[in-house]
């Protein structure tokens, strides 16, 4: 998204969904400044807590959707991340916070298995925040425009651009190196490339378009 200049276009969209701790401040020209929904993984919650005034006070009009495994999100006092969210909800009562239910997590697992023929747990994979965000978007949106996402063949092309995995972490690992590592690691990896192939399939059934870069479906 760096250099895309798509900020004004994104801000005109009726519902802008961002993922994890992706910032807008300092990147408004390229990614816009408006956030309606932010989908956040359990592993990213501590990063939001570090800047809680920014995320939960200055951005109080954003709706937050948190997801994570049952062990971290259980509501009986044993869910370490759920307990943190509960404290935040009490501290910032005006902020709308939701947690993905255990049933919905299992539903997302079943979607992955139906699309790939592979059991997510047995293959040692974790679904990405992007996967949960895309399922949420297909549930709630009539049409979807995805910005800054490459397709499943992008990294295998000889002339692909080398860009950081996150637009806001420019000196960290490159996107394609991150994707290749996660796709091939045996335990605990996100299947980013496989997920992109699934999105391409969904785009033939839903009104989904991809920008920066555009996809040839």
N, C-alpha and C. Protein backbone atom coordinates (compact mmCIF):
# COMPACT_ATOMS: atom_id res chain seq x y z
N UNK A 1 0.81 -1.21 0.00
CA UNK A 1 0.00 0.00 0.00
C UNK A 1 0.85 1.27 0.00
N UNK A 2 2.13 1.14 0.35
CA UNK A 2 2.99 2.32 0.36
C UNK A 2 3.10 2.91 -1.03
N UNK A 3 2.78 4.19 -1.14
CA UNK A 3 2.83 4.85 -2.44
C UNK A 3 1.59 4.66 -3.29
N UNK A 4 0.61 3.92 -2.79
CA UNK A 4 -0.60 3.66 -3.58
C UNK A 4 -1.49 4.90 -3.70
N UNK A 5 -1.43 5.77 -2.71
CA UNK A 5 -2.25 6.98 -2.74
C UNK A 5 -3.74 6.69 -2.71
N UNK A 6 -4.12 5.59 -2.07
CA UNK A 6 -5.53 5.16 -2.07
C UNK A 6 -6.31 5.63 -0.85
N UNK A 7 -5.70 6.49 -0.04
CA UNK A 7 -6.33 6.88 1.21
C UNK A 7 -7.70 7.51 1.06
N UNK A 8 -7.82 8.48 0.15
CA UNK A 8 -9.12 9.15 -0.05
C UNK A 8 -10.17 8.17 -0.54
N UNK A 9 -9.77 7.27 -1.43
CA UNK A 9 -10.70 6.26 -1.95
C UNK A 9 -11.18 5.34 -0.83
N UNK A 10 -10.28 4.90 0.01
CA UNK A 10 -10.64 4.01 1.11
C UNK A 10 -11.58 4.71 2.10
N UNK A 11 -11.31 5.98 2.36
CA UNK A 11 -12.15 6.71 3.32
C UNK A 11 -13.57 6.94 2.81
N UNK A 12 -13.78 6.78 1.51
CA UNK A 12 -15.12 6.94 0.95
C UNK A 12 -15.96 5.66 1.06
N UNK A 13 -15.32 4.56 1.45
CA UNK A 13 -16.02 3.27 1.53
C UNK A 13 -16.91 3.24 2.77
N UNK A 14 -18.08 2.66 2.65
CA UNK A 14 -19.08 2.68 3.72
C UNK A 14 -18.64 1.99 4.99
N UNK A 15 -17.90 0.89 4.88
CA UNK A 15 -17.42 0.17 6.06
C UNK A 15 -15.98 -0.25 5.81
N UNK A 16 -15.06 0.33 6.56
CA UNK A 16 -13.64 0.03 6.41
C UNK A 16 -13.23 -0.94 7.52
N UNK A 17 -12.74 -2.10 7.12
CA UNK A 17 -12.28 -3.12 8.07
C UNK A 17 -10.75 -3.16 8.03
N UNK A 18 -10.14 -3.01 9.19
CA UNK A 18 -8.69 -3.13 9.29
C UNK A 18 -8.36 -4.30 10.20
N UNK A 19 -7.11 -4.75 10.11
CA UNK A 19 -6.72 -5.94 10.86
C UNK A 19 -5.63 -5.64 11.88
N UNK A 20 -5.77 -6.28 13.02
CA UNK A 20 -4.78 -6.23 14.11
C UNK A 20 -4.45 -4.78 14.47
N UNK A 21 -3.18 -4.45 14.57
CA UNK A 21 -2.79 -3.12 15.03
C UNK A 21 -2.39 -2.20 13.88
N UNK A 22 -2.80 -2.51 12.66
CA UNK A 22 -2.42 -1.70 11.49
C UNK A 22 -2.81 -0.24 11.72
N UNK A 23 -1.82 0.67 11.76
CA UNK A 23 -2.11 2.07 12.06
C UNK A 23 -2.52 2.85 10.82
N UNK A 24 -3.17 3.98 11.07
CA UNK A 24 -3.47 4.92 9.99
C UNK A 24 -2.63 6.18 10.13
N UNK A 25 -2.31 6.55 11.35
CA UNK A 25 -1.56 7.78 11.60
C UNK A 25 -0.20 7.74 10.91
N UNK A 26 0.04 8.73 10.07
CA UNK A 26 1.28 8.79 9.31
C UNK A 26 1.21 8.10 7.96
N UNK A 27 0.12 7.34 7.73
CA UNK A 27 -0.05 6.60 6.47
C UNK A 27 -1.37 6.95 5.79
N UNK A 28 -1.98 8.07 6.23
CA UNK A 28 -3.32 8.41 5.74
C UNK A 28 -3.39 8.52 4.21
N UNK A 29 -2.36 9.06 3.59
CA UNK A 29 -2.37 9.25 2.14
C UNK A 29 -2.54 7.93 1.39
N UNK A 30 -1.98 6.86 1.95
CA UNK A 30 -2.00 5.56 1.27
C UNK A 30 -3.10 4.63 1.76
N UNK A 31 -3.44 4.68 3.06
CA UNK A 31 -4.40 3.70 3.60
C UNK A 31 -5.65 4.34 4.19
N UNK A 32 -5.74 5.67 4.18
CA UNK A 32 -6.92 6.33 4.73
C UNK A 32 -6.82 6.52 6.24
N UNK A 33 -7.84 7.13 6.80
CA UNK A 33 -7.82 7.45 8.23
C UNK A 33 -9.02 6.90 8.98
N UNK A 34 -10.00 6.40 8.26
CA UNK A 34 -11.26 5.97 8.87
C UNK A 34 -11.25 4.46 9.12
N UNK A 35 -11.73 4.03 10.29
CA UNK A 35 -11.81 2.61 10.61
C UNK A 35 -13.16 2.33 11.27
N UNK A 36 -13.98 1.52 10.62
CA UNK A 36 -15.27 1.14 11.21
C UNK A 36 -15.15 -0.11 12.07
N UNK A 37 -14.42 -1.11 11.55
CA UNK A 37 -14.28 -2.39 12.25
C UNK A 37 -12.81 -2.78 12.26
N UNK A 38 -12.33 -3.25 13.40
CA UNK A 38 -10.96 -3.73 13.48
C UNK A 38 -11.01 -5.16 14.01
N UNK A 39 -10.52 -6.11 13.21
CA UNK A 39 -10.48 -7.52 13.58
C UNK A 39 -9.10 -7.80 14.17
N UNK A 40 -9.07 -8.33 15.39
CA UNK A 40 -7.81 -8.42 16.14
C UNK A 40 -7.60 -9.83 16.66
N UNK A 41 -6.39 -10.37 16.47
CA UNK A 41 -6.05 -11.69 16.99
C UNK A 41 -5.67 -11.60 18.46
N UNK A 42 -5.75 -12.73 19.14
CA UNK A 42 -5.39 -12.79 20.56
C UNK A 42 -3.93 -12.40 20.79
N UNK A 43 -3.08 -12.68 19.81
CA UNK A 43 -1.66 -12.36 19.98
C UNK A 43 -1.37 -10.87 19.83
N UNK A 44 -2.30 -10.13 19.22
CA UNK A 44 -2.09 -8.71 18.99
C UNK A 44 -2.67 -7.84 20.10
N UNK A 45 -3.52 -8.42 20.93
CA UNK A 45 -4.14 -7.65 22.02
C UNK A 45 -3.11 -6.90 22.86
N UNK A 46 -1.98 -7.54 23.27
CA UNK A 46 -0.99 -6.79 24.06
C UNK A 46 -0.45 -5.56 23.34
N UNK A 47 -0.36 -5.59 22.01
CA UNK A 47 0.12 -4.43 21.25
C UNK A 47 -0.89 -3.29 21.31
N UNK A 48 -2.18 -3.63 21.32
CA UNK A 48 -3.21 -2.60 21.45
C UNK A 48 -3.20 -2.01 22.85
N UNK A 49 -2.95 -2.85 23.84
CA UNK A 49 -2.91 -2.38 25.23
C UNK A 49 -1.78 -1.37 25.42
N UNK A 50 -0.66 -1.57 24.73
CA UNK A 50 0.47 -0.64 24.84
C UNK A 50 0.08 0.77 24.38
N UNK A 51 -0.88 0.85 23.46
CA UNK A 51 -1.35 2.15 22.95
C UNK A 51 -2.85 2.25 23.14
N UNK A 52 -3.31 1.89 24.33
CA UNK A 52 -4.75 1.76 24.55
C UNK A 52 -5.49 3.09 24.38
N UNK A 53 -4.87 4.21 24.72
CA UNK A 53 -5.56 5.50 24.56
C UNK A 53 -5.84 5.78 23.09
N UNK A 54 -4.90 5.41 22.24
CA UNK A 54 -5.09 5.61 20.79
C UNK A 54 -6.20 4.71 20.25
N UNK A 55 -6.17 3.42 20.61
CA UNK A 55 -7.11 2.46 20.04
C UNK A 55 -8.50 2.54 20.68
N UNK A 56 -8.58 2.80 21.98
CA UNK A 56 -9.86 2.69 22.66
C UNK A 56 -10.45 4.01 23.14
N UNK A 57 -9.65 5.09 23.11
CA UNK A 57 -10.19 6.40 23.47
C UNK A 57 -10.29 7.30 22.26
N UNK A 58 -9.17 7.49 21.56
CA UNK A 58 -9.20 8.34 20.37
C UNK A 58 -9.97 7.68 19.23
N UNK A 59 -10.01 6.35 19.20
CA UNK A 59 -10.74 5.62 18.16
C UNK A 59 -11.96 4.92 18.74
N UNK A 60 -12.67 5.61 19.61
CA UNK A 60 -13.79 5.01 20.33
C UNK A 60 -14.97 4.65 19.42
N UNK A 61 -14.98 5.21 18.20
CA UNK A 61 -16.08 4.90 17.29
C UNK A 61 -15.82 3.64 16.46
N UNK A 62 -14.70 2.98 16.69
CA UNK A 62 -14.37 1.74 15.99
C UNK A 62 -14.98 0.55 16.73
N UNK A 63 -15.54 -0.38 15.98
CA UNK A 63 -16.03 -1.63 16.57
C UNK A 63 -14.91 -2.67 16.49
N UNK A 64 -14.63 -3.33 17.62
CA UNK A 64 -13.55 -4.30 17.69
C UNK A 64 -14.10 -5.72 17.73
N UNK A 65 -13.51 -6.59 16.91
CA UNK A 65 -13.86 -8.01 16.90
C UNK A 65 -12.59 -8.80 17.20
N UNK A 66 -12.57 -9.47 18.34
CA UNK A 66 -11.39 -10.21 18.78
C UNK A 66 -11.60 -11.70 18.58
N UNK A 67 -10.55 -12.39 18.14
CA UNK A 67 -10.63 -13.84 17.98
C UNK A 67 -9.42 -14.49 18.63
N UNK A 68 -9.59 -15.75 19.02
CA UNK A 68 -8.48 -16.50 19.59
C UNK A 68 -8.94 -17.88 20.02
N UNK A 69 -8.00 -18.75 20.36
CA UNK A 69 -8.35 -20.11 20.80
C UNK A 69 -9.07 -20.06 22.14
N UNK A 70 -9.83 -21.11 22.39
CA UNK A 70 -10.66 -21.17 23.60
C UNK A 70 -9.83 -21.00 24.87
N UNK A 71 -8.64 -21.55 24.90
CA UNK A 71 -7.82 -21.47 26.12
C UNK A 71 -7.52 -20.02 26.51
N UNK A 72 -7.44 -19.13 25.53
CA UNK A 72 -7.16 -17.72 25.82
C UNK A 72 -8.42 -16.87 25.95
N UNK A 73 -9.54 -17.38 25.40
CA UNK A 73 -10.76 -16.57 25.35
C UNK A 73 -11.87 -17.10 26.25
N UNK A 74 -11.59 -18.12 27.02
CA UNK A 74 -12.63 -18.69 27.88
C UNK A 74 -13.07 -17.65 28.91
N UNK A 75 -14.35 -17.73 29.29
CA UNK A 75 -14.98 -16.69 30.11
C UNK A 75 -15.11 -17.08 31.58
N UNK A 76 -14.47 -18.17 31.98
CA UNK A 76 -14.61 -18.65 33.36
C UNK A 76 -13.51 -18.14 34.28
N UNK A 77 -12.78 -17.14 33.82
CA UNK A 77 -11.68 -16.61 34.62
C UNK A 77 -10.33 -17.13 34.21
N UNK A 78 -10.32 -18.20 33.38
CA UNK A 78 -9.06 -18.81 32.95
C UNK A 78 -8.55 -18.32 31.62
N UNK A 79 -9.33 -17.49 30.94
CA UNK A 79 -8.92 -16.97 29.63
C UNK A 79 -8.10 -15.70 29.77
N UNK A 80 -6.79 -15.80 29.63
CA UNK A 80 -5.91 -14.68 29.91
C UNK A 80 -6.22 -13.47 29.02
N UNK A 81 -6.51 -13.69 27.74
CA UNK A 81 -6.80 -12.57 26.84
C UNK A 81 -8.21 -12.05 27.08
N UNK A 82 -9.17 -12.95 27.32
CA UNK A 82 -10.52 -12.50 27.62
C UNK A 82 -10.53 -11.61 28.86
N UNK A 83 -9.73 -11.95 29.86
CA UNK A 83 -9.66 -11.15 31.08
C UNK A 83 -9.14 -9.74 30.79
N UNK A 84 -8.16 -9.65 29.90
CA UNK A 84 -7.63 -8.33 29.51
C UNK A 84 -8.71 -7.52 28.81
N UNK A 85 -9.46 -8.18 27.91
CA UNK A 85 -10.52 -7.49 27.18
C UNK A 85 -11.62 -7.03 28.11
N UNK A 86 -11.92 -7.82 29.10
CA UNK A 86 -12.95 -7.47 30.06
C UNK A 86 -12.57 -6.19 30.81
N UNK A 87 -11.31 -6.09 31.20
CA UNK A 87 -10.83 -4.88 31.88
C UNK A 87 -10.92 -3.67 30.96
N UNK A 88 -10.56 -3.85 29.69
CA UNK A 88 -10.64 -2.76 28.72
C UNK A 88 -12.09 -2.31 28.52
N UNK A 89 -13.00 -3.28 28.45
CA UNK A 89 -14.41 -2.96 28.25
C UNK A 89 -14.97 -2.16 29.42
N UNK A 90 -14.52 -2.48 30.63
CA UNK A 90 -14.97 -1.74 31.80
C UNK A 90 -14.35 -0.34 31.85
N UNK A 91 -13.12 -0.24 31.37
CA UNK A 91 -12.41 1.04 31.40
C UNK A 91 -12.90 1.98 30.30
N UNK A 92 -13.30 1.40 29.15
CA UNK A 92 -13.77 2.20 28.02
C UNK A 92 -15.17 1.73 27.62
N UNK A 93 -16.18 2.06 28.42
CA UNK A 93 -17.53 1.51 28.22
C UNK A 93 -18.20 1.94 26.91
N UNK A 94 -17.70 2.99 26.28
CA UNK A 94 -18.33 3.45 25.03
C UNK A 94 -17.86 2.66 23.82
N UNK A 95 -16.78 1.91 23.97
CA UNK A 95 -16.22 1.17 22.84
C UNK A 95 -16.98 -0.15 22.66
N UNK A 96 -17.33 -0.44 21.41
CA UNK A 96 -18.02 -1.69 21.10
C UNK A 96 -17.00 -2.79 20.89
N UNK A 97 -17.02 -3.81 21.75
CA UNK A 97 -16.09 -4.93 21.66
C UNK A 97 -16.85 -6.24 21.57
N UNK A 98 -16.42 -7.08 20.66
CA UNK A 98 -17.05 -8.40 20.50
C UNK A 98 -15.96 -9.46 20.42
N UNK A 99 -16.28 -10.65 20.88
CA UNK A 99 -15.37 -11.78 20.80
C UNK A 99 -16.00 -12.85 19.91
N UNK A 100 -15.22 -13.38 18.98
CA UNK A 100 -15.70 -14.47 18.12
C UNK A 100 -15.97 -15.69 19.00
N UNK A 101 -17.16 -16.26 18.87
CA UNK A 101 -17.54 -17.38 19.73
C UNK A 101 -16.77 -18.64 19.37
N UNK A 102 -16.75 -19.57 20.29
CA UNK A 102 -16.08 -20.85 20.05
C UNK A 102 -16.71 -21.57 18.86
N UNK A 103 -18.04 -21.48 18.75
CA UNK A 103 -18.73 -22.12 17.62
C UNK A 103 -18.31 -21.51 16.29
N UNK A 104 -18.14 -20.18 16.28
CA UNK A 104 -17.75 -19.51 15.04
C UNK A 104 -16.31 -19.85 14.66
N UNK A 105 -15.44 -19.99 15.67
CA UNK A 105 -14.06 -20.42 15.41
C UNK A 105 -14.07 -21.80 14.75
N UNK A 106 -14.88 -22.70 15.29
CA UNK A 106 -14.98 -24.05 14.72
C UNK A 106 -15.58 -24.01 13.33
N UNK A 107 -16.51 -23.10 13.11
CA UNK A 107 -17.09 -22.94 11.77
C UNK A 107 -16.00 -22.52 10.77
N UNK A 108 -15.15 -21.59 11.18
CA UNK A 108 -14.07 -21.14 10.30
C UNK A 108 -13.10 -22.29 9.99
N UNK A 109 -12.85 -23.14 10.99
CA UNK A 109 -12.03 -24.33 10.76
C UNK A 109 -12.68 -25.24 9.71
N UNK A 110 -14.00 -25.38 9.80
CA UNK A 110 -14.71 -26.25 8.86
C UNK A 110 -14.68 -25.66 7.45
N UNK A 111 -14.73 -24.33 7.35
CA UNK A 111 -14.63 -23.69 6.03
C UNK A 111 -13.27 -23.99 5.42
N UNK A 112 -12.20 -23.87 6.22
CA UNK A 112 -10.85 -24.17 5.73
C UNK A 112 -10.76 -25.61 5.25
N UNK A 113 -11.34 -26.53 6.02
CA UNK A 113 -11.27 -27.94 5.64
C UNK A 113 -12.10 -28.22 4.38
N UNK A 114 -13.26 -27.59 4.27
CA UNK A 114 -14.09 -27.79 3.08
C UNK A 114 -13.39 -27.27 1.82
N UNK A 115 -12.65 -26.18 1.96
CA UNK A 115 -12.00 -25.58 0.80
C UNK A 115 -10.70 -26.29 0.41
N UNK A 116 -10.02 -26.89 1.39
CA UNK A 116 -8.69 -27.47 1.12
C UNK A 116 -8.67 -28.99 1.20
N UNK A 117 -9.67 -29.58 1.86
CA UNK A 117 -9.65 -31.01 2.09
C UNK A 117 -8.72 -31.42 3.22
N UNK A 118 -8.18 -30.43 3.96
CA UNK A 118 -7.23 -30.71 5.02
C UNK A 118 -7.77 -30.22 6.36
N UNK A 119 -7.55 -31.02 7.39
CA UNK A 119 -7.92 -30.61 8.74
C UNK A 119 -6.87 -29.63 9.26
N UNK A 120 -7.31 -28.44 9.64
CA UNK A 120 -6.37 -27.41 10.06
C UNK A 120 -5.51 -27.85 11.24
N UNK A 121 -6.14 -28.48 12.23
CA UNK A 121 -5.41 -28.89 13.43
C UNK A 121 -4.35 -29.93 13.11
N UNK A 122 -4.72 -30.91 12.27
CA UNK A 122 -3.80 -32.00 11.96
C UNK A 122 -2.62 -31.53 11.11
N UNK A 123 -2.80 -30.47 10.35
CA UNK A 123 -1.70 -29.96 9.53
C UNK A 123 -0.84 -28.96 10.28
N UNK A 124 -1.20 -28.67 11.54
CA UNK A 124 -0.40 -27.77 12.34
C UNK A 124 -0.51 -26.31 11.93
N UNK A 125 -1.64 -25.95 11.33
CA UNK A 125 -1.81 -24.59 10.83
C UNK A 125 -2.69 -23.75 11.75
N UNK A 126 -2.44 -22.44 11.74
CA UNK A 126 -3.31 -21.48 12.39
C UNK A 126 -3.97 -20.62 11.31
N UNK A 127 -5.26 -20.39 11.43
CA UNK A 127 -5.91 -19.47 10.52
C UNK A 127 -5.41 -18.05 10.80
N UNK A 128 -5.34 -17.23 9.78
CA UNK A 128 -4.86 -15.87 9.95
C UNK A 128 -6.01 -14.93 10.30
N UNK A 129 -5.65 -13.75 10.78
CA UNK A 129 -6.66 -12.72 11.03
C UNK A 129 -7.34 -12.34 9.72
N UNK A 130 -6.59 -12.40 8.62
CA UNK A 130 -7.18 -12.13 7.32
C UNK A 130 -8.29 -13.09 6.97
N UNK A 131 -8.13 -14.36 7.34
CA UNK A 131 -9.15 -15.37 7.05
C UNK A 131 -10.44 -15.06 7.81
N UNK A 132 -10.30 -14.74 9.10
CA UNK A 132 -11.48 -14.38 9.88
C UNK A 132 -12.12 -13.10 9.34
N UNK A 133 -11.29 -12.15 8.91
CA UNK A 133 -11.81 -10.88 8.38
C UNK A 133 -12.58 -11.11 7.08
N UNK A 134 -12.07 -11.99 6.22
CA UNK A 134 -12.74 -12.26 4.95
C UNK A 134 -14.07 -12.97 5.18
N UNK A 135 -14.11 -13.89 6.13
CA UNK A 135 -15.37 -14.57 6.43
C UNK A 135 -16.37 -13.57 7.01
N UNK A 136 -15.91 -12.70 7.89
CA UNK A 136 -16.78 -11.66 8.43
C UNK A 136 -17.31 -10.76 7.33
N UNK A 137 -16.42 -10.36 6.43
CA UNK A 137 -16.82 -9.46 5.34
C UNK A 137 -17.84 -10.12 4.41
N UNK A 138 -17.64 -11.39 4.09
CA UNK A 138 -18.60 -12.06 3.20
C UNK A 138 -19.95 -12.25 3.88
N UNK A 139 -19.95 -12.31 5.22
CA UNK A 139 -21.20 -12.42 5.97
C UNK A 139 -21.97 -11.10 5.99
N UNK A 140 -21.26 -9.98 6.09
CA UNK A 140 -21.92 -8.71 6.38
C UNK A 140 -21.93 -7.70 5.24
N UNK A 141 -21.17 -7.94 4.18
CA UNK A 141 -21.04 -6.94 3.11
C UNK A 141 -21.64 -7.43 1.79
N UNK A 142 -22.29 -6.51 1.08
CA UNK A 142 -22.81 -6.83 -0.25
C UNK A 142 -21.69 -6.92 -1.28
N UNK A 143 -20.68 -6.09 -1.12
CA UNK A 143 -19.51 -6.13 -2.00
C UNK A 143 -18.28 -5.83 -1.17
N UNK A 144 -17.14 -6.34 -1.62
CA UNK A 144 -15.90 -6.23 -0.86
C UNK A 144 -14.78 -5.76 -1.79
N UNK A 145 -14.03 -4.77 -1.34
CA UNK A 145 -12.81 -4.37 -2.02
C UNK A 145 -11.65 -4.60 -1.06
N UNK A 146 -10.70 -5.42 -1.48
CA UNK A 146 -9.55 -5.76 -0.64
C UNK A 146 -8.33 -4.99 -1.15
N UNK A 147 -7.69 -4.26 -0.24
CA UNK A 147 -6.54 -3.44 -0.61
C UNK A 147 -5.25 -4.04 -0.05
N UNK A 148 -4.21 -4.06 -0.89
CA UNK A 148 -2.88 -4.42 -0.43
C UNK A 148 -2.66 -5.90 -0.21
N UNK A 149 -3.42 -6.76 -0.87
CA UNK A 149 -3.25 -8.20 -0.70
C UNK A 149 -2.80 -8.83 -2.02
N UNK A 150 -1.75 -9.63 -1.97
CA UNK A 150 -1.26 -10.31 -3.16
C UNK A 150 -1.99 -11.63 -3.35
N UNK A 151 -1.98 -12.14 -4.59
CA UNK A 151 -2.62 -13.43 -4.85
C UNK A 151 -1.65 -14.57 -4.55
N UNK A 152 -2.13 -15.80 -4.71
CA UNK A 152 -1.34 -16.96 -4.30
C UNK A 152 -0.16 -17.24 -5.22
N UNK A 153 -0.14 -16.65 -6.42
CA UNK A 153 0.96 -16.88 -7.37
C UNK A 153 2.00 -15.76 -7.38
N UNK A 154 1.71 -14.70 -6.68
CA UNK A 154 2.52 -13.48 -6.76
C UNK A 154 4.00 -13.74 -6.45
N UNK A 155 4.25 -14.45 -5.36
CA UNK A 155 5.63 -14.63 -4.90
C UNK A 155 6.44 -15.57 -5.80
N UNK A 156 5.78 -16.34 -6.63
CA UNK A 156 6.49 -17.24 -7.53
C UNK A 156 6.85 -16.57 -8.85
N UNK A 157 6.40 -15.35 -9.04
CA UNK A 157 6.71 -14.61 -10.26
C UNK A 157 8.10 -13.99 -10.14
N UNK A 158 8.86 -14.06 -11.21
CA UNK A 158 10.25 -13.61 -11.17
C UNK A 158 10.36 -12.10 -10.94
N UNK A 159 9.39 -11.33 -11.39
CA UNK A 159 9.49 -9.87 -11.31
C UNK A 159 8.63 -9.27 -10.19
N UNK A 160 8.32 -10.08 -9.17
CA UNK A 160 7.46 -9.54 -8.11
C UNK A 160 8.22 -8.50 -7.27
N UNK A 161 7.45 -7.55 -6.76
CA UNK A 161 8.04 -6.49 -5.94
C UNK A 161 8.40 -7.04 -4.56
N UNK A 162 9.50 -6.55 -4.02
CA UNK A 162 9.91 -6.93 -2.66
C UNK A 162 9.44 -5.82 -1.72
N UNK A 163 8.47 -6.15 -0.89
CA UNK A 163 7.89 -5.17 0.02
C UNK A 163 7.85 -5.75 1.43
N UNK A 164 7.78 -4.91 2.47
CA UNK A 164 7.71 -5.44 3.83
C UNK A 164 6.40 -6.17 4.08
N UNK A 165 6.42 -7.11 4.98
CA UNK A 165 5.22 -7.87 5.34
C UNK A 165 4.12 -6.94 5.83
N UNK A 166 4.48 -5.95 6.65
CA UNK A 166 3.55 -4.92 7.08
C UNK A 166 4.00 -3.57 6.53
N UNK A 167 3.09 -2.77 6.01
CA UNK A 167 3.47 -1.47 5.45
C UNK A 167 4.04 -0.55 6.52
N UNK A 168 3.73 -0.81 7.78
CA UNK A 168 4.18 0.05 8.87
C UNK A 168 5.42 -0.50 9.58
N UNK A 169 6.02 -1.56 9.05
CA UNK A 169 7.26 -2.12 9.59
C UNK A 169 8.23 -2.32 8.43
N UNK A 170 8.82 -1.21 7.98
CA UNK A 170 9.53 -1.24 6.71
C UNK A 170 10.88 -1.94 6.75
N UNK A 171 11.45 -2.12 7.92
CA UNK A 171 12.77 -2.74 7.99
C UNK A 171 12.70 -4.17 8.53
N UNK A 172 11.51 -4.76 8.47
CA UNK A 172 11.34 -6.12 8.96
C UNK A 172 11.33 -7.09 7.77
N UNK A 173 10.93 -8.32 8.00
CA UNK A 173 10.95 -9.36 6.98
C UNK A 173 10.05 -9.00 5.80
N UNK A 174 10.43 -9.45 4.61
CA UNK A 174 9.63 -9.15 3.42
C UNK A 174 8.38 -10.02 3.39
N UNK A 175 7.40 -9.55 2.65
CA UNK A 175 6.11 -10.24 2.57
C UNK A 175 6.26 -11.67 2.05
N UNK A 176 6.95 -11.83 0.93
CA UNK A 176 7.06 -13.16 0.32
C UNK A 176 7.87 -14.12 1.17
N UNK A 177 8.91 -13.64 1.85
CA UNK A 177 9.66 -14.51 2.75
C UNK A 177 8.79 -14.98 3.91
N UNK A 178 7.96 -14.08 4.42
CA UNK A 178 7.05 -14.44 5.51
C UNK A 178 6.04 -15.48 5.03
N UNK A 179 5.47 -15.26 3.86
CA UNK A 179 4.45 -16.18 3.33
C UNK A 179 5.03 -17.56 3.07
N UNK A 180 6.22 -17.59 2.46
CA UNK A 180 6.84 -18.87 2.13
C UNK A 180 7.19 -19.65 3.39
N UNK A 181 7.71 -18.95 4.39
CA UNK A 181 8.05 -19.62 5.66
C UNK A 181 6.81 -20.24 6.28
N UNK A 182 5.74 -19.46 6.41
CA UNK A 182 4.53 -19.94 7.07
C UNK A 182 3.86 -21.06 6.28
N UNK A 183 3.90 -20.97 4.97
CA UNK A 183 3.25 -21.99 4.16
C UNK A 183 3.90 -23.35 4.34
N UNK A 184 5.20 -23.36 4.59
CA UNK A 184 5.96 -24.61 4.59
C UNK A 184 6.33 -25.12 5.99
N UNK A 185 6.17 -24.28 7.02
CA UNK A 185 6.52 -24.76 8.36
C UNK A 185 5.50 -25.81 8.81
N UNK A 186 5.96 -26.79 9.55
CA UNK A 186 5.09 -27.93 9.88
C UNK A 186 4.16 -27.65 11.05
N UNK A 187 4.58 -26.81 11.98
CA UNK A 187 3.76 -26.55 13.16
C UNK A 187 3.63 -25.06 13.40
N UNK A 188 2.40 -24.61 13.60
CA UNK A 188 2.17 -23.25 14.05
C UNK A 188 2.24 -22.17 12.99
N UNK A 189 2.15 -22.55 11.72
CA UNK A 189 2.23 -21.54 10.67
C UNK A 189 0.86 -21.15 10.12
N UNK A 190 0.78 -19.94 9.60
CA UNK A 190 -0.40 -19.53 8.84
C UNK A 190 -0.21 -20.00 7.40
N UNK A 191 -1.25 -20.51 6.79
CA UNK A 191 -1.15 -20.93 5.39
C UNK A 191 -1.59 -19.77 4.49
N UNK A 192 -0.78 -18.71 4.51
CA UNK A 192 -1.15 -17.50 3.80
C UNK A 192 -1.42 -17.73 2.32
N UNK A 193 -0.55 -18.50 1.66
CA UNK A 193 -0.67 -18.71 0.22
C UNK A 193 -1.92 -19.53 -0.09
N UNK A 194 -2.16 -20.57 0.70
CA UNK A 194 -3.37 -21.37 0.54
C UNK A 194 -4.62 -20.51 0.74
N UNK A 195 -4.58 -19.65 1.75
CA UNK A 195 -5.73 -18.78 2.01
C UNK A 195 -6.00 -17.86 0.82
N UNK A 196 -4.95 -17.35 0.18
CA UNK A 196 -5.14 -16.48 -0.98
C UNK A 196 -5.84 -17.23 -2.11
N UNK A 197 -5.48 -18.50 -2.29
CA UNK A 197 -6.14 -19.31 -3.32
C UNK A 197 -7.63 -19.49 -3.00
N UNK A 198 -7.95 -19.61 -1.72
CA UNK A 198 -9.35 -19.72 -1.30
C UNK A 198 -10.09 -18.43 -1.62
N UNK A 199 -9.47 -17.27 -1.35
CA UNK A 199 -10.12 -15.99 -1.63
C UNK A 199 -10.40 -15.83 -3.12
N UNK A 200 -9.47 -16.30 -3.95
CA UNK A 200 -9.66 -16.22 -5.40
C UNK A 200 -10.90 -17.03 -5.81
N UNK A 201 -11.09 -18.17 -5.15
CA UNK A 201 -12.27 -18.99 -5.43
C UNK A 201 -13.54 -18.27 -4.97
N UNK A 202 -13.47 -17.65 -3.80
CA UNK A 202 -14.64 -16.92 -3.29
C UNK A 202 -15.02 -15.76 -4.20
N UNK A 203 -14.01 -15.15 -4.83
CA UNK A 203 -14.26 -14.00 -5.70
C UNK A 203 -15.08 -14.38 -6.93
N UNK A 204 -15.15 -15.67 -7.24
CA UNK A 204 -16.00 -16.10 -8.35
C UNK A 204 -17.45 -16.26 -7.91
N UNK A 205 -17.68 -16.28 -6.59
CA UNK A 205 -19.04 -16.46 -6.07
C UNK A 205 -19.59 -15.21 -5.39
N UNK A 206 -18.70 -14.38 -4.86
CA UNK A 206 -19.10 -13.14 -4.19
C UNK A 206 -18.58 -11.95 -5.00
N UNK A 207 -19.10 -10.77 -4.67
CA UNK A 207 -18.65 -9.57 -5.36
C UNK A 207 -17.41 -9.05 -4.63
N UNK A 208 -16.25 -9.60 -5.01
CA UNK A 208 -14.98 -9.24 -4.37
C UNK A 208 -14.00 -8.77 -5.43
N UNK A 209 -13.37 -7.63 -5.20
CA UNK A 209 -12.30 -7.17 -6.09
C UNK A 209 -11.06 -6.85 -5.26
N UNK A 210 -9.91 -6.94 -5.89
CA UNK A 210 -8.64 -6.76 -5.21
C UNK A 210 -7.88 -5.61 -5.88
N UNK A 211 -7.36 -4.72 -5.05
CA UNK A 211 -6.62 -3.56 -5.56
C UNK A 211 -5.27 -3.43 -4.86
N UNK A 212 -4.28 -2.99 -5.63
CA UNK A 212 -2.91 -2.73 -5.10
C UNK A 212 -2.30 -3.97 -4.43
N UNK A 213 -2.03 -5.04 -5.16
CA UNK A 213 -2.19 -5.18 -6.61
C UNK A 213 -3.55 -5.76 -6.99
N UNK A 214 -3.94 -5.53 -8.25
CA UNK A 214 -5.16 -6.12 -8.75
C UNK A 214 -4.89 -7.59 -9.11
N UNK A 215 -5.92 -8.42 -8.98
CA UNK A 215 -5.78 -9.85 -9.27
C UNK A 215 -6.37 -10.18 -10.63
N UNK A 216 -5.72 -11.11 -11.32
CA UNK A 216 -6.29 -11.68 -12.54
C UNK A 216 -6.95 -13.01 -12.14
N UNK A 217 -8.25 -12.97 -12.00
CA UNK A 217 -8.97 -14.15 -11.49
C UNK A 217 -9.23 -15.15 -12.60
